[in-house]
C-alpha atoms as a PDB file:
ATOM      1  CA  GLU A   1      11.298   9.256 -28.978  1.00  0.00           C
ATOM      2  CA  ALA A   2       9.286   8.762 -32.184  1.00  0.00           C
ATOM      3  CA  ALA A   3      10.229   5.057 -32.096  1.00  0.00           C
ATOM      4  CA  LEU A   4       8.425   4.733 -28.715  1.00  0.00           C
ATOM      5  CA  ALA A   5       5.080   5.776 -30.311  1.00  0.00           C
ATOM      6  CA  SER A   6       3.079   2.636 -31.018  1.00  0.00           C
ATOM      7  CA  GLN A   7       0.525   4.271 -33.369  1.00  0.00           C
ATOM      8  CA  GLY A   8       0.288   7.006 -35.972  1.00  0.00           C
ATOM      9  CA  ASP A   9       2.504   8.309 -38.731  1.00  0.00           C
ATOM     10  CA  VAL A  10       5.900   9.870 -37.919  1.00  0.00           C
ATOM     11  CA  LEU A  11       6.730  12.919 -39.966  1.00  0.00           C
ATOM     12  CA  ALA A  12      10.350  14.208 -40.240  1.00  0.00           C
ATOM     13  CA  SER A  13      11.545  17.719 -40.592  1.00  0.00           C
ATOM     14  CA  GLY A  14      15.032  19.322 -40.548  1.00  0.00           C
ATOM     15  CA  HIS A  15      13.809  22.748 -39.840  1.00  0.00           C
ATOM     16  CA  LEU A  16      11.038  24.381 -37.745  1.00  0.00           C
ATOM     17  CA  LEU A  17       9.901  26.464 -40.796  1.00  0.00           C
ATOM     18  CA  ALA A  18       9.090  23.275 -42.611  1.00  0.00           C
ATOM     19  CA  VAL A  19       6.844  22.290 -39.728  1.00  0.00           C
ATOM     20  CA  CYS A  20       5.037  25.625 -39.930  1.00  0.00           C
ATOM     21  CA  GLU A  21       4.611  25.123 -43.708  1.00  0.00           C
ATOM     22  CA  HIS A  22       3.121  21.624 -43.053  1.00  0.00           C
ATOM     23  CA  LEU A  23       0.740  22.939 -40.355  1.00  0.00           C
ATOM     24  CA  SER A  24      -0.492  25.779 -42.603  1.00  0.00           C
ATOM     25  CA  GLY A  25      -1.140  23.352 -45.489  1.00  0.00           C
ATOM     26  CA  ARG A  26       1.400  24.961 -47.853  1.00  0.00           C
ATOM     27  CA  ALA A  27       3.683  21.914 -47.898  1.00  0.00           C
ATOM     28  CA  ARG A  28       3.759  18.347 -46.750  1.00  0.00           C
ATOM     29  CA  LEU A  29       6.293  16.606 -44.535  1.00  0.00           C
ATOM     30  CA  VAL A  30       7.566  13.204 -45.490  1.00  0.00           C
ATOM     31  CA  SER A  31       6.391  10.215 -43.502  1.00  0.00           C
ATOM     32  CA  VAL A  32       9.316   8.224 -42.086  1.00  0.00           C
ATOM     33  CA  PRO A  33       9.172   4.419 -42.202  1.00  0.00           C
ATOM     34  CA  ARG A  34       8.901   2.974 -38.747  1.00  0.00           C
ATOM     35  CA  SER A  35      11.532   0.318 -39.538  1.00  0.00           C
ATOM     36  CA  SER A  36      14.129   3.122 -39.946  1.00  0.00           C
ATOM     37  CA  LEU A  37      13.284   4.503 -36.501  1.00  0.00           C
ATOM     38  CA  GLU A  38      13.729   1.060 -34.826  1.00  0.00           C
ATOM     39  CA  GLN A  39      17.139   0.908 -36.339  1.00  0.00           C
ATOM     40  CA  ALA A  40      18.190   4.393 -35.191  1.00  0.00           C
ATOM     41  CA  PRO A  41      21.117   4.544 -32.722  1.00  0.00           C
ATOM     42  CA  GLY A  42      19.874   4.336 -29.154  1.00  0.00           C
ATOM     43  CA  SER A  43      16.248   3.553 -30.130  1.00  0.00           C
ATOM     44  CA  ASN A  44      16.445   0.094 -28.500  1.00  0.00           C
ATOM     45  CA  ARG A  45      17.824   1.530 -25.245  1.00  0.00           C
ATOM     46  CA  GLN A  46      15.508   0.734 -22.356  1.00  0.00           C
ATOM     47  CA  VAL A  47      14.639   3.336 -19.762  1.00  0.00           C
ATOM     48  CA  PRO A  48      15.029   1.946 -16.223  1.00  0.00           C
ATOM     49  CA  ASP A  49      11.789   1.019 -14.507  1.00  0.00           C
ATOM     50  CA  LEU A  50      10.989   0.668 -10.741  1.00  0.00           C
ATOM     51  CA  SER A  51      11.464  -3.069 -11.130  1.00  0.00           C
ATOM     52  CA  ASP A  52      15.108  -2.368 -11.988  1.00  0.00           C
ATOM     53  CA  VAL A  53      15.795  -0.886  -8.599  1.00  0.00           C
ATOM     54  CA  ARG A  54      17.330  -3.723  -6.654  1.00  0.00           C
ATOM     55  CA  GLY A  55      19.194  -4.079  -3.384  1.00  0.00           C
ATOM     56  CA  GLN A  56      17.993  -0.632  -2.076  1.00  0.00           C
ATOM     57  CA  ARG A  57      15.002  -1.464   0.054  1.00  0.00           C
ATOM     58  CA  VAL A  58      14.430   1.983   1.575  1.00  0.00           C
ATOM     59  CA  PRO A  59      14.803   3.991  -1.658  1.00  0.00           C
ATOM     60  CA  ARG A  60      12.643   1.491  -3.562  1.00  0.00           C
ATOM     61  CA  ARG A  61       9.848   1.832  -1.050  1.00  0.00           C
ATOM     62  CA  ALA A  62      10.141   5.663  -1.097  1.00  0.00           C
ATOM     63  CA  LEU A  63       9.879   5.664  -4.863  1.00  0.00           C
ATOM     64  CA  GLU A  64       6.714   3.567  -4.702  1.00  0.00           C
ATOM     65  CA  VAL A  65       5.183   5.895  -2.167  1.00  0.00           C
ATOM     66  CA  ALA A  66       6.098   8.982  -4.230  1.00  0.00           C
ATOM     67  CA  ALA A  67       4.639   7.388  -7.373  1.00  0.00           C
ATOM     68  CA  ALA A  68       1.365   6.899  -5.468  1.00  0.00           C
ATOM     69  CA  GLY A  69       0.977  10.558  -4.414  1.00  0.00           C
ATOM     70  CA  SER A  70       1.962  14.137  -5.323  1.00  0.00           C
ATOM     71  CA  HIS A  71       5.076  14.255  -3.008  1.00  0.00           C
ATOM     72  CA  ASN A  72       8.212  16.237  -3.398  1.00  0.00           C
ATOM     73  CA  LEU A  73      11.198  13.986  -3.502  1.00  0.00           C
ATOM     74  CA  LEU A  74      14.744  14.789  -2.345  1.00  0.00           C
ATOM     75  CA  PHE A  75      17.698  12.540  -2.805  1.00  0.00           C
ATOM     76  CA  PHE A  76      20.656  13.570  -0.565  1.00  0.00           C
ATOM     77  CA  GLY A  77      24.121  12.053  -0.773  1.00  0.00           C
ATOM     78  CA  PRO A  78      27.660  12.452  -2.094  1.00  0.00           C
ATOM     79  CA  PRO A  79      28.362  12.376  -5.854  1.00  0.00           C
ATOM     80  CA  GLY A  80      28.308   9.049  -7.645  1.00  0.00           C
ATOM     81  CA  THR A  81      25.767   7.241  -5.365  1.00  0.00           C
ATOM     82  CA  GLY A  82      23.181   6.833  -8.139  1.00  0.00           C
ATOM     83  CA  LYS A  83      20.655   9.446  -7.068  1.00  0.00           C
ATOM     84  CA  ASP A  84      19.689  10.333 -10.657  1.00  0.00           C
ATOM     85  CA  HIS A  85      19.476   6.595 -11.521  1.00  0.00           C
ATOM     86  CA  LEU A  86      16.951   6.176  -8.745  1.00  0.00           C
ATOM     87  CA  MET A  87      14.893   9.085  -9.939  1.00  0.00           C
ATOM     88  CA  VAL A  88      14.707   8.047 -13.578  1.00  0.00           C
ATOM     89  CA  PRO A  89      12.347   5.053 -13.069  1.00  0.00           C
ATOM     90  CA  LEU A  90       9.931   7.393 -11.262  1.00  0.00           C
ATOM     91  CA  LEU A  91      10.069   9.813 -14.185  1.00  0.00           C
ATOM     92  CA  ARG A  92       9.205   6.970 -16.509  1.00  0.00           C
ATOM     93  CA  ARG A  93       6.246   6.095 -14.326  1.00  0.00           C
ATOM     94  CA  ALA A  94       5.044   9.703 -14.500  1.00  0.00           C
ATOM     95  CA  VAL A  95       5.349   9.783 -18.274  1.00  0.00           C
ATOM     96  CA  GLU A  96       3.533   6.512 -18.695  1.00  0.00           C
ATOM     97  CA  SER A  97       0.733   7.936 -16.529  1.00  0.00           C
ATOM     98  CA  GLY A  98       0.340  10.789 -18.999  1.00  0.00           C
ATOM     99  CA  LEU A  99       1.750  13.561 -16.775  1.00  0.00           C
ATOM    100  CA  LEU A 100       3.597  16.454 -18.343  1.00  0.00           C
ATOM    101  CA  THR A 101       7.101  16.199 -16.993  1.00  0.00           C
ATOM    102  CA  LYS A 102      10.260  18.202 -17.283  1.00  0.00           C
ATOM    103  CA  TRP A 103      13.856  17.090 -16.452  1.00  0.00           C
ATOM    104  CA  ALA A 104      16.568  19.682 -15.957  1.00  0.00           C
ATOM    105  CA  ASP A 105      20.227  19.521 -15.122  1.00  0.00           C
ATOM    106  CA  GLY A 106      21.003  22.091 -12.410  1.00  0.00           C
ATOM    107  CA  ALA A 107      24.117  23.537 -14.080  1.00  0.00           C
ATOM    108  CA  GLU A 108      22.356  23.897 -17.427  1.00  0.00           C
ATOM    109  CA  MET A 109      19.290  25.462 -15.743  1.00  0.00           C
ATOM    110  CA  PHE A 110      21.409  28.139 -14.136  1.00  0.00           C
ATOM    111  CA  GLY A 111      23.241  28.666 -17.427  1.00  0.00           C
ATOM    112  CA  GLU A 112      19.885  29.288 -19.062  1.00  0.00           C
ATOM    113  CA  PHE A 113      19.172  31.845 -16.388  1.00  0.00           C
ATOM    114  CA  ARG A 114      22.474  33.592 -17.080  1.00  0.00           C
ATOM    115  CA  ASP A 115      21.943  33.577 -20.849  1.00  0.00           C
ATOM    116  CA  ASN A 116      18.507  34.985 -20.440  1.00  0.00           C
ATOM    117  CA  MET A 117      19.848  38.130 -18.903  1.00  0.00           C
ATOM    118  CA  ARG A 118      21.103  38.994 -22.434  1.00  0.00           C
ATOM    119  CA  GLY A 119      18.137  37.503 -24.229  1.00  0.00           C
ATOM    120  CA  SER A 120      14.790  38.685 -25.257  1.00  0.00           C
ATOM    121  CA  ASP A 121      12.536  36.417 -23.290  1.00  0.00           C
ATOM    122  CA  SER A 122      10.896  37.761 -20.172  1.00  0.00           C
ATOM    123  CA  GLU A 123      11.719  36.150 -16.832  1.00  0.00           C
ATOM    124  CA  ALA A 124       8.094  35.103 -16.548  1.00  0.00           C
ATOM    125  CA  LYS A 125       8.301  33.172 -19.851  1.00  0.00           C
ATOM    126  CA  LEU A 126      11.604  31.513 -18.739  1.00  0.00           C
ATOM    127  CA  LEU A 127      10.165  30.548 -15.342  1.00  0.00           C
ATOM    128  CA  ALA A 128       7.077  29.067 -16.974  1.00  0.00           C
ATOM    129  CA  ARG A 129       9.224  26.320 -18.540  1.00  0.00           C
ATOM    130  CA  TYR A 130       9.879  25.049 -15.000  1.00  0.00           C
ATOM    131  CA  THR A 131       6.567  25.943 -13.265  1.00  0.00           C
ATOM    132  CA  GLU A 132       3.918  24.615 -15.613  1.00  0.00           C
ATOM    133  CA  ALA A 133       5.025  20.974 -15.769  1.00  0.00           C
ATOM    134  CA  MET A 134       2.986  18.579 -13.553  1.00  0.00           C
ATOM    135  CA  VAL A 135       6.279  17.068 -12.447  1.00  0.00           C
ATOM    136  CA  LEU A 136       9.659  18.831 -12.376  1.00  0.00           C
ATOM    137  CA  ALA A 137      12.834  16.806 -11.857  1.00  0.00           C
ATOM    138  CA  ILE A 138      16.111  18.667 -11.326  1.00  0.00           C
ATOM    139  CA  SER A 139      19.485  16.921 -11.223  1.00  0.00           C
ATOM    140  CA  ASP A 140      21.717  18.553  -8.648  1.00  0.00           C
ATOM    141  CA  PRO A 141      21.160  22.307  -8.447  1.00  0.00           C
ATOM    142  CA  VAL A 142      24.091  22.611  -6.020  1.00  0.00           C
ATOM    143  CA  PRO A 143      27.208  24.413  -7.462  1.00  0.00           C
ATOM    144  CA  PRO A 144      30.501  22.412  -7.429  1.00  0.00           C
ATOM    145  CA  PHE A 145      31.908  24.988  -5.044  1.00  0.00           C
ATOM    146  CA  GLY A 146      30.230  27.504  -2.743  1.00  0.00           C
ATOM    147  CA  GLY A 147      26.608  28.470  -2.899  1.00  0.00           C
ATOM    148  CA  LEU A 148      24.227  30.100  -5.382  1.00  0.00           C
ATOM    149  CA  THR A 149      24.615  33.634  -6.599  1.00  0.00           C
ATOM    150  CA  PRO A 150      21.918  36.037  -5.493  1.00  0.00           C
ATOM    151  CA  TYR A 151      20.430  35.976  -8.942  1.00  0.00           C
ATOM    152  CA  GLN A 152      20.526  32.101  -9.136  1.00  0.00           C
ATOM    153  CA  ALA A 153      18.979  31.875  -5.678  1.00  0.00           C
ATOM    154  CA  SER A 154      16.216  34.362  -6.571  1.00  0.00           C
ATOM    155  CA  MET A 155      15.297  32.614  -9.794  1.00  0.00           C
ATOM    156  CA  PHE A 156      15.376  29.190  -8.181  1.00  0.00           C
ATOM    157  CA  PHE A 157      13.320  30.280  -5.265  1.00  0.00           C
ATOM    158  CA  ARG A 158      10.612  31.655  -7.616  1.00  0.00           C
ATOM    159  CA  ILE A 159      10.402  28.287  -9.355  1.00  0.00           C
ATOM    160  CA  VAL A 160      10.201  26.280  -6.144  1.00  0.00           C
ATOM    161  CA  ASP A 161       7.819  28.750  -4.461  1.00  0.00           C
ATOM    162  CA  ARG A 162       5.427  28.923  -7.448  1.00  0.00           C
ATOM    163  CA  ARG A 163       5.333  25.099  -7.580  1.00  0.00           C
ATOM    164  CA  TYR A 164       4.847  24.901  -3.822  1.00  0.00           C
ATOM    165  CA  ARG A 165       1.876  27.279  -3.941  1.00  0.00           C
ATOM    166  CA  ASP A 166       0.346  25.285  -6.931  1.00  0.00           C
ATOM    167  CA  MET A 167       0.933  22.044  -5.026  1.00  0.00           C
ATOM    168  CA  LEU A 168       3.018  20.492  -7.848  1.00  0.00           C
ATOM    169  CA  PRO A 169       5.663  17.983  -7.074  1.00  0.00           C
ATOM    170  CA  THR A 170       9.326  18.734  -7.487  1.00  0.00           C
ATOM    171  CA  TRP A 171      11.920  15.991  -7.437  1.00  0.00           C
ATOM    172  CA  ILE A 172      15.548  16.869  -6.829  1.00  0.00           C
ATOM    173  CA  THR A 173      18.894  15.102  -6.453  1.00  0.00           C
ATOM    174  CA  ILE A 174      21.311  17.042  -4.264  1.00  0.00           C
ATOM    175  CA  ASN A 175      25.061  16.342  -3.803  1.00  0.00           C
ATOM    176  CA  CYS A 176      24.909  17.182  -0.113  1.00  0.00           C
ATOM    177  CA  LYS A 177      25.279  14.902   2.832  1.00  0.00           C
ATOM    178  CA  ASP A 178      22.227  16.195   4.685  1.00  0.00           C
ATOM    179  CA  ARG A 179      19.518  18.861   4.866  1.00  0.00           C
ATOM    180  CA  ALA A 180      21.808  21.283   6.789  1.00  0.00           C
ATOM    181  CA  GLU A 181      24.401  21.297   4.058  1.00  0.00           C
ATOM    182  CA  ALA A 182      21.697  21.737   1.386  1.00  0.00           C
ATOM    183  CA  GLU A 183      20.335  24.785   3.295  1.00  0.00           C
ATOM    184  CA  ASP A 184      23.887  26.292   3.416  1.00  0.00           C
ATOM    185  CA  ARG A 185      24.451  25.677  -0.319  1.00  0.00           C
ATOM    186  CA  ILE A 186      21.104  26.559  -1.960  1.00  0.00           C
ATOM    187  CA  GLY A 187      19.291  28.482   0.735  1.00  0.00           C
ATOM    188  CA  ALA A 188      17.105  27.556   3.790  1.00  0.00           C
ATOM    189  CA  ASN A 189      13.920  29.094   2.161  1.00  0.00           C
ATOM    190  CA  ILE A 190      14.297  26.927  -0.856  1.00  0.00           C
ATOM    191  CA  VAL A 191      14.999  23.752   1.105  1.00  0.00           C
ATOM    192  CA  ASP A 192      12.136  24.636   3.474  1.00  0.00           C
ATOM    193  CA  ARG A 193       9.591  24.552   0.614  1.00  0.00           C
ATOM    194  CA  LEU A 194      11.110  21.509  -1.044  1.00  0.00           C
ATOM    195  CA  GLY A 195      11.027  19.712   2.292  1.00  0.00           C
ATOM    196  CA  HIS A 196       7.334  20.224   2.916  1.00  0.00           C
ATOM    197  CA  ASN A 197       5.277  17.099   2.181  1.00  0.00           C
ATOM    198  CA  ALA A 198       8.465  15.600   0.826  1.00  0.00           C
ATOM    199  CA  LEU A 199      10.139  12.206   0.978  1.00  0.00           C
ATOM    200  CA  ALA A 200      13.797  12.667   1.808  1.00  0.00           C
ATOM    201  CA  ILE A 201      15.960   9.756   0.777  1.00  0.00           C
ATOM    202  CA  PRO A 202      19.574   9.559   2.137  1.00  0.00           C
ATOM    203  CA  CYS A 203      21.910   7.964  -0.394  1.00  0.00           C
ATOM    204  CA  ASN A 204      24.896   7.695   1.903  1.00  0.00           C
ATOM    205  CA  TRP A 205      26.552   4.659   0.472  1.00  0.00           C
ATOM    206  CA  GLN A 206      29.876   4.626  -1.387  1.00  0.00           C
ATOM    207  CA  SER A 207      30.197   6.121  -4.813  1.00  0.00           C
ATOM    208  CA  TRP A 208      29.641   3.689  -7.691  1.00  0.00           C
ATOM    209  CA  ARG A 209      32.444   5.381  -9.630  1.00  0.00           C
ATOM    210  CA  ARG A 210      35.098   4.185  -7.158  1.00  0.00           C
END
């Protein structure tokens, strides 16, 4: 990430306390040569752009429309059809436009909810991580089997409902064949809010993993 910055010094720290010491003026962090960042593993990896979306005329057009306005975006389809790969170029466009974005994996998000039940953070503080971003992108919040637990559904609804009331776009990939299955798996009230002012993109072609 630091290698992507075109200007300014890059300071490195192995511990958060060292950052605090630097900010308070009690110590100084060491500046990292930019040449070492450019040689770091993965630093030359290119993030897909909208121009990389080829052969998918309808999804490409939907991405262009979504990029031009504050639309919710829902990708439906079976696993392996490249829904996340279609969403990544749009996230890149949002970042390049200066928007605060957050990407979350559905399973990890629900794991964070579960862990927070034993933690010290308030639910409001946890939810703020997902509700304050200008753009929230979630990769498949559908469990591998069955539906959401009541607690998962409650927390997820609070995120979606808050963003709906604040008119902030939420982009989601869902491993479901259609809206009806999504309503059955994650709840009709959640899908209802996600579906308002949304572009729904069916990704019903064969899995790329086969």
